[in-house]
């Protein structure tokens, strides 16, 4: 599934994944990700810089604890980026998950951060 609040993304995602869509393995949805509840094994968010911390926390609270999370952000300060990270460590703190892997990619205009992990479970023994 591809979830994006921008209605233009649904058409593009469907075209790019047409073979998978026709086989019933892909579906693009126009929706606010904070309102979608998922039971997916792997959840990927490549645009963490586009959502506020409150929206991120709301989204994360609706995800299953056993899902693998792949999260990306950057330090590129432009108006549509409402939650950039100053460093990889800053991004880790923003995300508040148990990290299995983290890394960064230096690009000409900004640094791209990625972490892979699972939610912290407050009630675990």
Protein backbone atom coordinates (compact mmCIF):
# COMPACT_ATOMS: atom_id res chain seq x y z
CA UNK A 1 0.00 0.00 0.00
CA UNK A 2 1.09 3.54 -0.71
CA UNK A 3 -0.55 6.22 1.43
CA UNK A 4 -0.19 9.90 0.63
CA UNK A 5 -2.30 12.92 1.49
CA UNK A 6 -1.54 14.45 -1.95
CA UNK A 7 -4.17 13.15 -4.41
CA UNK A 8 -1.72 13.42 -7.33
CA UNK A 9 0.45 10.69 -5.78
CA UNK A 10 -2.24 8.03 -6.07
CA UNK A 11 -2.23 8.14 -9.87
CA UNK A 12 1.57 8.22 -10.13
CA UNK A 13 2.05 5.38 -7.63
CA UNK A 14 -0.55 3.27 -9.43
CA UNK A 15 1.15 3.81 -12.79
CA UNK A 16 4.59 2.99 -11.36
CA UNK A 17 3.29 -0.20 -9.74
CA UNK A 18 0.75 -1.23 -12.39
CA UNK A 19 1.92 -4.85 -12.62
CA UNK A 20 1.69 -5.30 -8.83
CA UNK A 21 -1.67 -3.54 -8.74
CA UNK A 22 -3.07 -5.82 -11.44
CA UNK A 23 -1.87 -8.84 -9.43
CA UNK A 24 -3.65 -7.52 -6.33
CA UNK A 25 -0.40 -6.85 -4.46
CA UNK A 26 -0.43 -3.04 -4.54
CA UNK A 27 -2.92 -0.28 -3.86
CA UNK A 28 -2.39 3.48 -3.69
CA UNK A 29 -4.60 5.43 -1.30
CA UNK A 30 -5.15 9.15 -0.87
CA UNK A 31 -5.50 9.64 2.87
CA UNK A 32 -3.96 11.18 5.96
CA UNK A 33 -1.50 8.57 7.23
CA UNK A 34 -2.40 9.47 10.82
CA UNK A 35 -5.92 8.09 10.30
CA UNK A 36 -4.84 4.76 8.75
CA UNK A 37 -4.33 1.77 11.03
CA UNK A 38 -2.04 -0.86 9.58
CA UNK A 39 -1.11 -4.44 10.34
CA UNK A 40 1.83 -4.41 7.91
CA UNK A 41 5.04 -6.27 8.72
CA UNK A 42 7.19 -3.50 7.21
CA UNK A 43 6.26 0.17 7.21
CA UNK A 44 8.33 2.70 5.26
CA UNK A 45 8.11 6.47 5.68
CA UNK A 46 10.57 8.32 3.45
CA UNK A 47 9.22 11.78 4.29
CA UNK A 48 9.40 12.25 8.06
CA UNK A 49 10.47 15.86 7.47
CA UNK A 50 7.01 16.65 6.09
CA UNK A 51 5.04 15.95 9.30
CA UNK A 52 5.01 17.64 12.67
CA UNK A 53 6.25 15.82 15.74
CA UNK A 54 2.64 15.61 17.02
CA UNK A 55 1.48 14.00 13.76
CA UNK A 56 4.45 11.63 13.78
CA UNK A 57 3.67 10.57 17.36
CA UNK A 58 -0.01 10.03 16.47
CA UNK A 59 0.96 7.98 13.40
CA UNK A 60 3.47 5.89 15.36
CA UNK A 61 0.94 5.18 18.12
CA UNK A 62 -1.35 3.51 15.56
CA UNK A 63 1.28 1.09 14.24
CA UNK A 64 1.76 -2.47 15.47
CA UNK A 65 4.72 -2.90 17.84
CA UNK A 66 6.10 -5.85 15.88
CA UNK A 67 6.35 -4.02 12.54
CA UNK A 68 9.75 -3.16 11.14
CA UNK A 69 9.96 0.61 10.57
CA UNK A 70 12.14 2.18 7.89
CA UNK A 71 12.23 5.94 8.40
CA UNK A 72 13.96 8.71 6.47
CA UNK A 73 14.40 12.43 6.98
CA UNK A 74 16.96 15.12 6.20
CA UNK A 75 18.37 18.47 7.27
CA UNK A 76 17.17 20.40 4.20
CA UNK A 77 15.48 23.55 5.48
CA UNK A 78 12.76 24.56 3.04
CA UNK A 79 9.22 25.76 3.91
CA UNK A 80 7.47 22.41 3.35
CA UNK A 81 9.88 20.64 5.72
CA UNK A 82 8.34 21.13 9.16
CA UNK A 83 10.49 18.66 11.13
CA UNK A 84 14.03 18.42 9.84
CA UNK A 85 16.83 16.89 11.90
CA UNK A 86 20.15 18.58 12.62
CA UNK A 87 22.00 15.25 12.68
CA UNK A 88 21.47 11.50 12.60
CA UNK A 89 21.40 11.53 16.41
CA UNK A 90 18.72 14.23 16.36
CA UNK A 91 16.63 12.16 13.93
CA UNK A 92 16.95 9.11 16.20
CA UNK A 93 15.65 11.16 19.15
CA UNK A 94 12.74 12.52 17.09
CA UNK A 95 11.67 9.01 16.08
CA UNK A 96 11.84 7.36 19.50
CA UNK A 97 12.12 3.77 18.30
CA UNK A 98 14.48 0.87 19.08
CA UNK A 99 17.08 1.22 16.36
CA UNK A 100 18.48 -1.81 14.58
CA UNK A 101 20.42 0.17 11.94
CA UNK A 102 21.08 3.80 11.13
CA UNK A 103 23.01 5.69 8.51
CA UNK A 104 23.29 8.88 6.56
CA UNK A 105 24.04 9.95 3.01
CA UNK A 106 25.83 13.23 2.34
CA UNK A 107 24.27 14.92 -0.68
CA UNK A 108 25.25 18.26 -2.27
CA UNK A 109 22.44 20.30 -0.63
CA UNK A 110 21.61 18.27 2.48
CA UNK A 111 22.20 15.07 4.43
CA UNK A 112 19.67 12.24 4.20
CA UNK A 113 19.14 10.17 7.37
CA UNK A 114 17.70 6.68 7.62
CA UNK A 115 16.92 4.45 10.57
CA UNK A 116 15.49 0.96 10.71
CA UNK A 117 13.95 -0.32 13.92
CA UNK A 118 10.87 -1.19 15.93
CA UNK A 119 8.70 0.73 18.36
CA UNK A 120 9.68 0.98 21.99
CA UNK A 121 7.24 -1.05 24.07
CA UNK A 122 6.60 0.67 27.41
CA UNK A 123 4.87 -2.37 28.89
CA UNK A 124 7.54 -4.94 28.05
CA UNK A 125 9.13 -6.82 30.96
